[in-house]
């Protein structure tokens, strides 16, 4: 799996993360969970083996749950993440309404 731009990949930093660094790390963790979902679902779609498909989909759904856990942590760390997500959702709702 890609490491994006993680400066701490496989290495524990010699100091504790600052609050801003922790927020960035959690955002990276969310991206990694979404990337894992994409990978596992593409593997599930690429096989006709029912057991492999079932296991891959199950694991992908576990990664989705992890993404939710990280998202909640991010909200608690930032205090405003949900506000930004709601604004984005409202913009899509407006666009969808305009198509009706």
PDB file of N, CA and C in Angstrom:
ATOM      1  N   UNK A   1       0.830  -1.167   0.000  1.00  0.00           N
ATOM      2  CA  UNK A   1       0.000   0.000   0.000  1.00  0.00           C
ATOM      3  C   UNK A   1       0.882   1.239   0.000  1.00  0.00           C
ATOM      4  N   UNK A   2       0.428   2.252  -0.673  1.00  0.00           N
ATOM      5  CA  UNK A   2       1.206   3.483  -0.786  1.00  0.00           C
ATOM      6  C   UNK A   2       1.390   4.148   0.570  1.00  0.00           C
ATOM      7  N   UNK A   3       2.502   4.784   0.757  1.00  0.00           N
ATOM      8  CA  UNK A   3       2.778   5.486   2.002  1.00  0.00           C
ATOM      9  C   UNK A   3       2.517   6.987   1.894  1.00  0.00           C
ATOM     10  N   UNK A   4       2.019   7.442   0.742  1.00  0.00           N
ATOM     11  CA  UNK A   4       1.779   8.857   0.520  1.00  0.00           C
ATOM     12  C   UNK A   4       3.038   9.645   0.876  1.00  0.00           C
ATOM     13  N   UNK A   5       2.927  10.570   1.793  1.00  0.00           N
ATOM     14  CA  UNK A   5       4.080  11.399   2.164  1.00  0.00           C
ATOM     15  C   UNK A   5       4.342  11.306   3.661  1.00  0.00           C
ATOM     16  N   UNK A   6       4.175  10.122   4.221  1.00  0.00           N
ATOM     17  CA  UNK A   6       4.321   9.929   5.655  1.00  0.00           C
ATOM     18  C   UNK A   6       5.792  10.025   6.063  1.00  0.00           C
ATOM     19  N   UNK A   7       6.168  11.094   6.774  1.00  0.00           N
ATOM     20  CA  UNK A   7       7.570  11.230   7.179  1.00  0.00           C
ATOM     21  C   UNK A   7       7.970  10.242   8.264  1.00  0.00           C
ATOM     22  N   UNK A   8       6.986   9.591   8.908  1.00  0.00           N
ATOM     23  CA  UNK A   8       7.287   8.673   9.991  1.00  0.00           C
ATOM     24  C   UNK A   8       7.095   7.217   9.579  1.00  0.00           C
ATOM     25  N   UNK A   9       7.060   6.950   8.287  1.00  0.00           N
ATOM     26  CA  UNK A   9       6.795   5.600   7.799  1.00  0.00           C
ATOM     27  C   UNK A   9       7.772   4.595   8.391  1.00  0.00           C
ATOM     28  N   UNK A  10       7.254   3.730   9.243  1.00  0.00           N
ATOM     29  CA  UNK A  10       8.080   2.675   9.822  1.00  0.00           C
ATOM     30  C   UNK A  10       9.064   3.145  10.867  1.00  0.00           C
ATOM     31  N   UNK A  11       9.036   4.421  11.211  1.00  0.00           N
ATOM     32  CA  UNK A  11       9.998   4.958  12.164  1.00  0.00           C
ATOM     33  C   UNK A  11       9.237   5.722  13.246  1.00  0.00           C
ATOM     34  N   UNK A  12       9.537   5.432  14.484  1.00  0.00           N
ATOM     35  CA  UNK A  12       8.938   6.207  15.570  1.00  0.00           C
ATOM     36  C   UNK A  12       9.754   7.488  15.704  1.00  0.00           C
ATOM     37  N   UNK A  13       9.079   8.635  15.648  1.00  0.00           N
ATOM     38  CA  UNK A  13       9.836   9.890  15.736  1.00  0.00           C
ATOM     39  C   UNK A  13      10.516  10.035  17.092  1.00  0.00           C
ATOM     40  N   UNK A  14      11.597  10.788  17.139  1.00  0.00           N
ATOM     41  CA  UNK A  14      12.334  10.960  18.391  1.00  0.00           C
ATOM     42  C   UNK A  14      11.602  11.863  19.389  1.00  0.00           C
ATOM     43  N   UNK A  15      10.452  12.376  18.987  1.00  0.00           N
ATOM     44  CA  UNK A  15       9.668  13.255  19.865  1.00  0.00           C
ATOM     45  C   UNK A  15       8.194  12.927  19.658  1.00  0.00           C
ATOM     46  N   UNK A  16       7.366  13.416  20.542  1.00  0.00           N
ATOM     47  CA  UNK A  16       5.926  13.237  20.415  1.00  0.00           C
ATOM     48  C   UNK A  16       5.399  14.192  19.332  1.00  0.00           C
ATOM     49  N   UNK A  17       4.330  13.782  18.689  1.00  0.00           N
ATOM     50  CA  UNK A  17       3.717  14.620  17.658  1.00  0.00           C
ATOM     51  C   UNK A  17       3.068  15.845  18.279  1.00  0.00           C
ATOM     52  N   UNK A  18       3.172  16.961  17.586  1.00  0.00           N
ATOM     53  CA  UNK A  18       2.414  18.145  17.995  1.00  0.00           C
ATOM     54  C   UNK A  18       0.949  17.895  17.651  1.00  0.00           C
ATOM     55  N   UNK A  19       0.068  18.729  18.145  1.00  0.00           N
ATOM     56  CA  UNK A  19      -1.361  18.604  17.839  1.00  0.00           C
ATOM     57  C   UNK A  19      -1.600  18.672  16.327  1.00  0.00           C
ATOM     58  N   UNK A  20      -0.957  19.611  15.650  1.00  0.00           N
ATOM     59  CA  UNK A  20      -1.117  19.733  14.196  1.00  0.00           C
ATOM     60  C   UNK A  20      -0.583  18.504  13.461  1.00  0.00           C
ATOM     61  N   UNK A  21       0.528  17.985  13.908  1.00  0.00           N
ATOM     62  CA  UNK A  21       1.079  16.785  13.280  1.00  0.00           C
ATOM     63  C   UNK A  21       0.169  15.582  13.516  1.00  0.00           C
ATOM     64  N   UNK A  22      -0.409  15.500  14.703  1.00  0.00           N
ATOM     65  CA  UNK A  22      -1.326  14.412  15.000  1.00  0.00           C
ATOM     66  C   UNK A  22      -2.559  14.485  14.103  1.00  0.00           C
ATOM     67  N   UNK A  23      -3.107  15.664  13.916  1.00  0.00           N
ATOM     68  CA  UNK A  23      -4.265  15.836  13.024  1.00  0.00           C
ATOM     69  C   UNK A  23      -3.899  15.392  11.615  1.00  0.00           C
ATOM     70  N   UNK A  24      -2.729  15.804  11.126  1.00  0.00           N
ATOM     71  CA  UNK A  24      -2.299  15.378   9.780  1.00  0.00           C
ATOM     72  C   UNK A  24      -2.119  13.867   9.721  1.00  0.00           C
ATOM     73  N   UNK A  25      -1.580  13.275  10.781  1.00  0.00           N
ATOM     74  CA  UNK A  25      -1.383  11.821  10.816  1.00  0.00           C
ATOM     75  C   UNK A  25      -2.729  11.097  10.771  1.00  0.00           C
ATOM     76  N   UNK A  26      -3.719  11.606  11.496  1.00  0.00           N
ATOM     77  CA  UNK A  26      -5.043  10.983  11.483  1.00  0.00           C
ATOM     78  C   UNK A  26      -5.669  11.121  10.101  1.00  0.00           C
ATOM     79  N   UNK A  27      -5.499  12.257   9.440  1.00  0.00           N
ATOM     80  CA  UNK A  27      -5.995  12.417   8.064  1.00  0.00           C
ATOM     81  C   UNK A  27      -5.329  11.385   7.135  1.00  0.00           C
ATOM     82  N   UNK A  28      -4.057  11.160   7.314  1.00  0.00           N
ATOM     83  CA  UNK A  28      -3.343  10.157   6.527  1.00  0.00           C
ATOM     84  C   UNK A  28      -3.885   8.759   6.827  1.00  0.00           C
ATOM     85  N   UNK A  29      -4.182   8.490   8.090  1.00  0.00           N
ATOM     86  CA  UNK A  29      -4.756   7.206   8.465  1.00  0.00           C
ATOM     87  C   UNK A  29      -6.112   6.993   7.794  1.00  0.00           C
ATOM     88  N   UNK A  30      -6.928   8.038   7.735  1.00  0.00           N
ATOM     89  CA  UNK A  30      -8.233   7.943   7.065  1.00  0.00           C
ATOM     90  C   UNK A  30      -8.035   7.617   5.590  1.00  0.00           C
ATOM     91  N   UNK A  31      -7.101   8.305   4.965  1.00  0.00           N
ATOM     92  CA  UNK A  31      -6.824   8.049   3.547  1.00  0.00           C
ATOM     93  C   UNK A  31      -6.357   6.606   3.336  1.00  0.00           C
ATOM     94  N   UNK A  32      -5.530   6.108   4.239  1.00  0.00           N
ATOM     95  CA  UNK A  32      -5.033   4.734   4.120  1.00  0.00           C
ATOM     96  C   UNK A  32      -6.173   3.725   4.255  1.00  0.00           C
ATOM     97  N   UNK A  33      -7.127   3.994   5.140  1.00  0.00           N
ATOM     98  CA  UNK A  33      -8.280   3.098   5.291  1.00  0.00           C
ATOM     99  C   UNK A  33      -9.117   3.088   4.009  1.00  0.00           C
ATOM    100  N   UNK A  34      -9.343   4.261   3.434  1.00  0.00           N
ATOM    101  CA  UNK A  34     -10.098   4.333   2.180  1.00  0.00           C
ATOM    102  C   UNK A  34      -9.351   3.630   1.049  1.00  0.00           C
ATOM    103  N   UNK A  35      -8.057   3.777   1.034  1.00  0.00           N
ATOM    104  CA  UNK A  35      -7.257   3.093   0.019  1.00  0.00           C
ATOM    105  C   UNK A  35      -7.365   1.577   0.186  1.00  0.00           C
ATOM    106  N   UNK A  36      -7.361   1.103   1.425  1.00  0.00           N
ATOM    107  CA  UNK A  36      -7.493  -0.329   1.678  1.00  0.00           C
ATOM    108  C   UNK A  36      -8.858  -0.833   1.228  1.00  0.00           C
ATOM    109  N   UNK A  37      -9.924  -0.058   1.483  1.00  0.00           N
ATOM    110  CA  UNK A  37     -11.258  -0.445   1.010  1.00  0.00           C
ATOM    111  C   UNK A  37     -11.243  -0.605  -0.504  1.00  0.00           C
ATOM    112  N   UNK A  38     -10.672   0.363  -1.182  1.00  0.00           N
ATOM    113  CA  UNK A  38     -10.595   0.315  -2.647  1.00  0.00           C
ATOM    114  C   UNK A  38      -9.856  -0.942  -3.111  1.00  0.00           C
ATOM    115  N   UNK A  39      -8.735  -1.230  -2.492  1.00  0.00           N
ATOM    116  CA  UNK A  39      -7.923  -2.380  -2.868  1.00  0.00           C
ATOM    117  C   UNK A  39      -8.681  -3.685  -2.653  1.00  0.00           C
ATOM    118  N   UNK A  40      -9.258  -3.861  -1.458  1.00  0.00           N
ATOM    119  CA  UNK A  40      -9.937  -5.114  -1.146  1.00  0.00           C
ATOM    120  C   UNK A  40     -11.193  -5.313  -1.991  1.00  0.00           C
ATOM    121  N   UNK A  41     -11.938  -4.243  -2.228  1.00  0.00           N
ATOM    122  CA  UNK A  41     -13.145  -4.370  -3.050  1.00  0.00           C
ATOM    123  C   UNK A  41     -12.790  -4.663  -4.507  1.00  0.00           C
ATOM    124  N   UNK A  42     -11.701  -4.084  -4.995  1.00  0.00           N
ATOM    125  CA  UNK A  42     -11.299  -4.377  -6.374  1.00  0.00           C
ATOM    126  C   UNK A  42     -10.858  -5.835  -6.500  1.00  0.00           C
ATOM    127  N   UNK A  43     -10.222  -6.364  -5.462  1.00  0.00           N
ATOM    128  CA  UNK A  43      -9.849  -7.780  -5.474  1.00  0.00           C
ATOM    129  C   UNK A  43     -11.096  -8.657  -5.415  1.00  0.00           C
ATOM    130  N   UNK A  44     -12.066  -8.267  -4.596  1.00  0.00           N
ATOM    131  CA  UNK A  44     -13.316  -9.028  -4.502  1.00  0.00           C
ATOM    132  C   UNK A  44     -14.044  -9.023  -5.847  1.00  0.00           C
ATOM    133  N   UNK A  45     -14.056  -7.879  -6.515  1.00  0.00           N
ATOM    134  CA  UNK A  45     -14.715  -7.776  -7.823  1.00  0.00           C
ATOM    135  C   UNK A  45     -13.990  -8.589  -8.890  1.00  0.00           C
ATOM    136  N   UNK A  46     -12.703  -8.830  -8.675  1.00  0.00           N
ATOM    137  CA  UNK A  46     -11.886  -9.500  -9.689  1.00  0.00           C
ATOM    138  C   UNK A  46     -11.841 -11.019  -9.535  1.00  0.00           C
ATOM    139  N   UNK A  47     -12.606 -11.571  -8.578  1.00  0.00           N
ATOM    140  CA  UNK A  47     -12.574 -13.021  -8.399  1.00  0.00           C
ATOM    141  C   UNK A  47     -13.983 -13.599  -8.425  1.00  0.00           C
ATOM    142  N   UNK A  48     -14.067 -14.842  -8.858  1.00  0.00           N
ATOM    143  CA  UNK A  48     -15.321 -15.584  -8.792  1.00  0.00           C
ATOM    144  C   UNK A  48     -15.320 -16.562  -7.622  1.00  0.00           C
ATOM    145  N   UNK A  49     -14.238 -16.598  -6.855  1.00  0.00           N
ATOM    146  CA  UNK A  49     -14.149 -17.499  -5.714  1.00  0.00           C
ATOM    147  C   UNK A  49     -15.034 -16.948  -4.587  1.00  0.00           C
ATOM    148  N   UNK A  50     -16.118 -17.642  -4.243  1.00  0.00           N
ATOM    149  CA  UNK A  50     -17.066 -17.096  -3.268  1.00  0.00           C
ATOM    150  C   UNK A  50     -16.469 -16.865  -1.877  1.00  0.00           C
ATOM    151  N   UNK A  51     -15.588 -17.754  -1.426  1.00  0.00           N
ATOM    152  CA  UNK A  51     -14.983 -17.567  -0.112  1.00  0.00           C
ATOM    153  C   UNK A  51     -14.066 -16.350  -0.107  1.00  0.00           C
ATOM    154  N   UNK A  52     -13.207 -16.254  -1.106  1.00  0.00           N
ATOM    155  CA  UNK A  52     -12.297 -15.105  -1.182  1.00  0.00           C
ATOM    156  C   UNK A  52     -13.093 -13.814  -1.264  1.00  0.00           C
ATOM    157  N   UNK A  53     -14.144 -13.802  -2.083  1.00  0.00           N
ATOM    158  CA  UNK A  53     -14.976 -12.604  -2.224  1.00  0.00           C
ATOM    159  C   UNK A  53     -15.592 -12.214  -0.881  1.00  0.00           C
ATOM    160  N   UNK A  54     -16.141 -13.202  -0.167  1.00  0.00           N
ATOM    161  CA  UNK A  54     -16.770 -12.936   1.127  1.00  0.00           C
ATOM    162  C   UNK A  54     -15.772 -12.375   2.129  1.00  0.00           C
ATOM    163  N   UNK A  55     -14.588 -12.981   2.206  1.00  0.00           N
ATOM    164  CA  UNK A  55     -13.558 -12.519   3.147  1.00  0.00           C
ATOM    165  C   UNK A  55     -13.084 -11.115   2.781  1.00  0.00           C
ATOM    166  N   UNK A  56     -12.831 -10.871   1.513  1.00  0.00           N
ATOM    167  CA  UNK A  56     -12.357  -9.551   1.076  1.00  0.00           C
ATOM    168  C   UNK A  56     -13.379  -8.457   1.370  1.00  0.00           C
ATOM    169  N   UNK A  57     -14.648  -8.736   1.111  1.00  0.00           N
ATOM    170  CA  UNK A  57     -15.692  -7.738   1.380  1.00  0.00           C
ATOM    171  C   UNK A  57     -15.811  -7.492   2.876  1.00  0.00           C
ATOM    172  N   UNK A  58     -15.713  -8.557   3.670  1.00  0.00           N
ATOM    173  CA  UNK A  58     -15.767  -8.408   5.119  1.00  0.00           C
ATOM    174  C   UNK A  58     -14.630  -7.528   5.624  1.00  0.00           C
ATOM    175  N   UNK A  59     -13.437  -7.780   5.131  1.00  0.00           N
ATOM    176  CA  UNK A  59     -12.278  -6.985   5.554  1.00  0.00           C
ATOM    177  C   UNK A  59     -12.426  -5.538   5.084  1.00  0.00           C
ATOM    178  N   UNK A  60     -12.913  -5.341   3.865  1.00  0.00           N
ATOM    179  CA  UNK A  60     -13.133  -3.972   3.361  1.00  0.00           C
ATOM    180  C   UNK A  60     -14.099  -3.222   4.275  1.00  0.00           C
ATOM    181  N   UNK A  61     -15.153  -3.901   4.711  1.00  0.00           N
ATOM    182  CA  UNK A  61     -16.120  -3.250   5.606  1.00  0.00           C
ATOM    183  C   UNK A  61     -15.509  -2.931   6.964  1.00  0.00           C
ATOM    184  N   UNK A  62     -14.598  -3.778   7.433  1.00  0.00           N
ATOM    185  CA  UNK A  62     -13.886  -3.469   8.678  1.00  0.00           C
ATOM    186  C   UNK A  62     -13.045  -2.203   8.504  1.00  0.00           C
ATOM    187  N   UNK A  63     -12.437  -2.048   7.337  1.00  0.00           N
ATOM    188  CA  UNK A  63     -11.645  -0.836   7.068  1.00  0.00           C
ATOM    189  C   UNK A  63     -12.550   0.397   7.047  1.00  0.00           C
ATOM    190  N   UNK A  64     -13.764   0.236   6.541  1.00  0.00           N
ATOM    191  CA  UNK A  64     -14.721   1.347   6.553  1.00  0.00           C
ATOM    192  C   UNK A  64     -15.042   1.747   7.988  1.00  0.00           C
ATOM    193  N   UNK A  65     -15.168   0.768   8.862  1.00  0.00           N
ATOM    194  CA  UNK A  65     -15.407   1.065  10.270  1.00  0.00           C
ATOM    195  C   UNK A  65     -14.211   1.794  10.869  1.00  0.00           C
ATOM    196  N   UNK A  66     -13.010   1.351  10.524  1.00  0.00           N
ATOM    197  CA  UNK A  66     -11.803   2.045  11.008  1.00  0.00           C
ATOM    198  C   UNK A  66     -11.811   3.501  10.553  1.00  0.00           C
ATOM    199  N   UNK A  67     -12.204   3.735   9.296  1.00  0.00           N
ATOM    200  CA  UNK A  67     -12.269   5.108   8.785  1.00  0.00           C
ATOM    201  C   UNK A  67     -13.228   5.936   9.632  1.00  0.00           C
ATOM    202  N   UNK A  68     -14.342   5.333  10.036  1.00  0.00           N
ATOM    203  CA  UNK A  68     -15.295   6.029  10.899  1.00  0.00           C
ATOM    204  C   UNK A  68     -14.717   6.335  12.266  1.00  0.00           C
ATOM    205  N   UNK A  69     -13.952   5.401  12.799  1.00  0.00           N
ATOM    206  CA  UNK A  69     -13.308   5.641  14.096  1.00  0.00           C
ATOM    207  C   UNK A  69     -12.313   6.798  13.997  1.00  0.00           C
ATOM    208  N   UNK A  70     -11.524   6.790  12.929  1.00  0.00           N
ATOM    209  CA  UNK A  70     -10.570   7.890  12.744  1.00  0.00           C
ATOM    210  C   UNK A  70     -11.291   9.212  12.504  1.00  0.00           C
ATOM    211  N   UNK A  71     -12.396   9.181  11.765  1.00  0.00           N
ATOM    212  CA  UNK A  71     -13.157  10.413  11.504  1.00  0.00           C
ATOM    213  C   UNK A  71     -13.689  11.000  12.808  1.00  0.00           C
ATOM    214  N   UNK A  72     -14.173  10.141  13.684  1.00  0.00           N
ATOM    215  CA  UNK A  72     -14.666  10.630  14.979  1.00  0.00           C
ATOM    216  C   UNK A  72     -13.516  11.206  15.799  1.00  0.00           C
ATOM    217  N   UNK A  73     -12.388  10.528  15.798  1.00  0.00           N
ATOM    218  CA  UNK A  73     -11.222  11.045  16.507  1.00  0.00           C
ATOM    219  C   UNK A  73     -10.812  12.398  15.939  1.00  0.00           C
ATOM    220  N   UNK A  74     -10.836  12.516  14.622  1.00  0.00           N
ATOM    221  CA  UNK A  74     -10.475  13.784  13.983  1.00  0.00           C
ATOM    222  C   UNK A  74     -11.408  14.904  14.433  1.00  0.00           C
ATOM    223  N   UNK A  75     -12.706  14.610  14.532  1.00  0.00           N
ATOM    224  CA  UNK A  75     -13.655  15.622  15.012  1.00  0.00           C
ATOM    225  C   UNK A  75     -13.316  16.037  16.439  1.00  0.00           C
ATOM    226  N   UNK A  76     -13.003  15.074  17.274  1.00  0.00           N
ATOM    227  CA  UNK A  76     -12.662  15.406  18.660  1.00  0.00           C
ATOM    228  C   UNK A  76     -11.367  16.208  18.747  1.00  0.00           C
ATOM    229  N   UNK A  77     -10.417  15.913  17.868  1.00  0.00           N
ATOM    230  CA  UNK A  77      -9.139  16.638  17.890  1.00  0.00           C
ATOM    231  C   UNK A  77      -9.256  18.056  17.330  1.00  0.00           C
ATOM    232  N   UNK A  78     -10.063  18.224  16.285  1.00  0.00           N
ATOM    233  CA  UNK A  78     -10.156  19.536  15.635  1.00  0.00           C
ATOM    234  C   UNK A  78     -11.287  20.395  16.177  1.00  0.00           C
ATOM    235  N   UNK A  79     -12.377  19.764  16.561  1.00  0.00           N
ATOM    236  CA  UNK A  79     -13.527  20.507  17.062  1.00  0.00           C
ATOM    237  C   UNK A  79     -14.410  21.099  15.980  1.00  0.00           C
ATOM    238  N   UNK A  80     -13.975  21.050  14.724  1.00  0.00           N
ATOM    239  CA  UNK A  80     -14.796  21.649  13.665  1.00  0.00           C
ATOM    240  C   UNK A  80     -14.900  20.795  12.399  1.00  0.00           C
ATOM    241  N   UNK A  81     -14.377  19.591  12.435  1.00  0.00           N
ATOM    242  CA  UNK A  81     -14.367  18.760  11.229  1.00  0.00           C
ATOM    243  C   UNK A  81     -15.780  18.483  10.729  1.00  0.00           C
ATOM    244  N   UNK A  82     -16.700  18.188  11.659  1.00  0.00           N
ATOM    245  CA  UNK A  82     -18.070  17.885  11.264  1.00  0.00           C
ATOM    246  C   UNK A  82     -18.742  19.077  10.585  1.00  0.00           C
ATOM    247  N   UNK A  83     -18.408  20.295  11.016  1.00  0.00           N
ATOM    248  CA  UNK A  83     -18.977  21.492  10.378  1.00  0.00           C
ATOM    249  C   UNK A  83     -18.582  21.554   8.901  1.00  0.00           C
ATOM    250  N   UNK A  84     -17.320  21.259   8.601  1.00  0.00           N
ATOM    251  CA  UNK A  84     -16.858  21.294   7.216  1.00  0.00           C
ATOM    252  C   UNK A  84     -17.511  20.184   6.395  1.00  0.00           C
ATOM    253  N   UNK A  85     -17.647  19.026   6.990  1.00  0.00           N
ATOM    254  CA  UNK A  85     -18.304  17.926   6.286  1.00  0.00           C
ATOM    255  C   UNK A  85     -19.768  18.245   6.013  1.00  0.00           C
ATOM    256  N   UNK A  86     -20.450  18.870   6.971  1.00  0.00           N
ATOM    257  CA  UNK A  86     -21.852  19.257   6.775  1.00  0.00           C
ATOM    258  C   UNK A  86     -21.984  20.309   5.679  1.00  0.00           C
ATOM    259  N   UNK A  87     -21.057  21.256   5.636  1.00  0.00           N
ATOM    260  CA  UNK A  87     -21.087  22.265   4.565  1.00  0.00           C
ATOM    261  C   UNK A  87     -20.930  21.603   3.200  1.00  0.00           C
ATOM    262  N   UNK A  88     -20.017  20.665   3.110  1.00  0.00           N
ATOM    263  CA  UNK A  88     -19.820  19.953   1.845  1.00  0.00           C
ATOM    264  C   UNK A  88     -21.052  19.154   1.464  1.00  0.00           C
ATOM    265  N   UNK A  89     -21.664  18.481   2.431  1.00  0.00           N
ATOM    266  CA  UNK A  89     -22.876  17.705   2.163  1.00  0.00           C
ATOM    267  C   UNK A  89     -24.005  18.621   1.707  1.00  0.00           C
ATOM    268  N   UNK A  90     -24.123  19.784   2.334  1.00  0.00           N
ATOM    269  CA  UNK A  90     -25.176  20.735   1.954  1.00  0.00           C
ATOM    270  C   UNK A  90     -24.995  21.221   0.527  1.00  0.00           C
ATOM    271  N   UNK A  91     -23.757  21.435   0.105  1.00  0.00           N
ATOM    272  CA  UNK A  91     -23.497  21.857  -1.272  1.00  0.00           C
ATOM    273  C   UNK A  91     -23.942  20.779  -2.272  1.00  0.00           C
ATOM    274  N   UNK A  92     -23.680  19.523  -1.949  1.00  0.00           N
ATOM    275  CA  UNK A  92     -24.112  18.438  -2.837  1.00  0.00           C
ATOM    276  C   UNK A  92     -25.632  18.344  -2.837  1.00  0.00           C
ATOM    277  N   UNK A  93     -26.260  18.512  -1.689  1.00  0.00           N
ATOM    278  CA  UNK A  93     -27.709  18.487  -1.613  1.00  0.00           C
ATOM    279  C   UNK A  93     -28.315  19.575  -2.492  1.00  0.00           C
ATOM    280  N   UNK A  94     -27.724  20.763  -2.467  1.00  0.00           N
ATOM    281  CA  UNK A  94     -28.205  21.867  -3.320  1.00  0.00           C
ATOM    282  C   UNK A  94     -28.074  21.509  -4.800  1.00  0.00           C
ATOM    283  N   UNK A  95     -26.957  20.934  -5.189  1.00  0.00           N
ATOM    284  CA  UNK A  95     -26.756  20.527  -6.575  1.00  0.00           C
ATOM    285  C   UNK A  95     -27.759  19.456  -6.980  1.00  0.00           C
ATOM    286  N   UNK A  96     -27.983  18.495  -6.081  1.00  0.00           N
ATOM    287  CA  UNK A  96     -28.930  17.412  -6.379  1.00  0.00           C
ATOM    288  C   UNK A  96     -30.340  17.973  -6.519  1.00  0.00           C
ATOM    289  N   UNK A  97     -30.696  18.908  -5.658  1.00  0.00           N
ATOM    290  CA  UNK A  97     -32.013  19.536  -5.727  1.00  0.00           C
ATOM    291  C   UNK A  97     -32.193  20.272  -7.046  1.00  0.00           C
ATOM    292  N   UNK A  98     -31.126  20.897  -7.515  1.00  0.00           N
ATOM    293  CA  UNK A  98     -31.173  21.618  -8.794  1.00  0.00           C
ATOM    294  C   UNK A  98     -31.373  20.713  -9.996  1.00  0.00           C
ATOM    295  N   UNK A  99     -31.098  19.437  -9.844  1.00  0.00           N
ATOM    296  CA  UNK A  99     -31.269  18.488 -10.944  1.00  0.00           C
ATOM    297  C   UNK A  99     -32.674  17.894 -11.003  1.00  0.00           C
ATOM    298  N   UNK A 100     -33.480  18.149  -9.970  1.00  0.00           N
ATOM    299  CA  UNK A 100     -34.837  17.581  -9.928  1.00  0.00           C
ATOM    300  C   UNK A 100     -35.776  18.339 -10.817  1.00  0.00           C
TER     301      UNK A 100
END
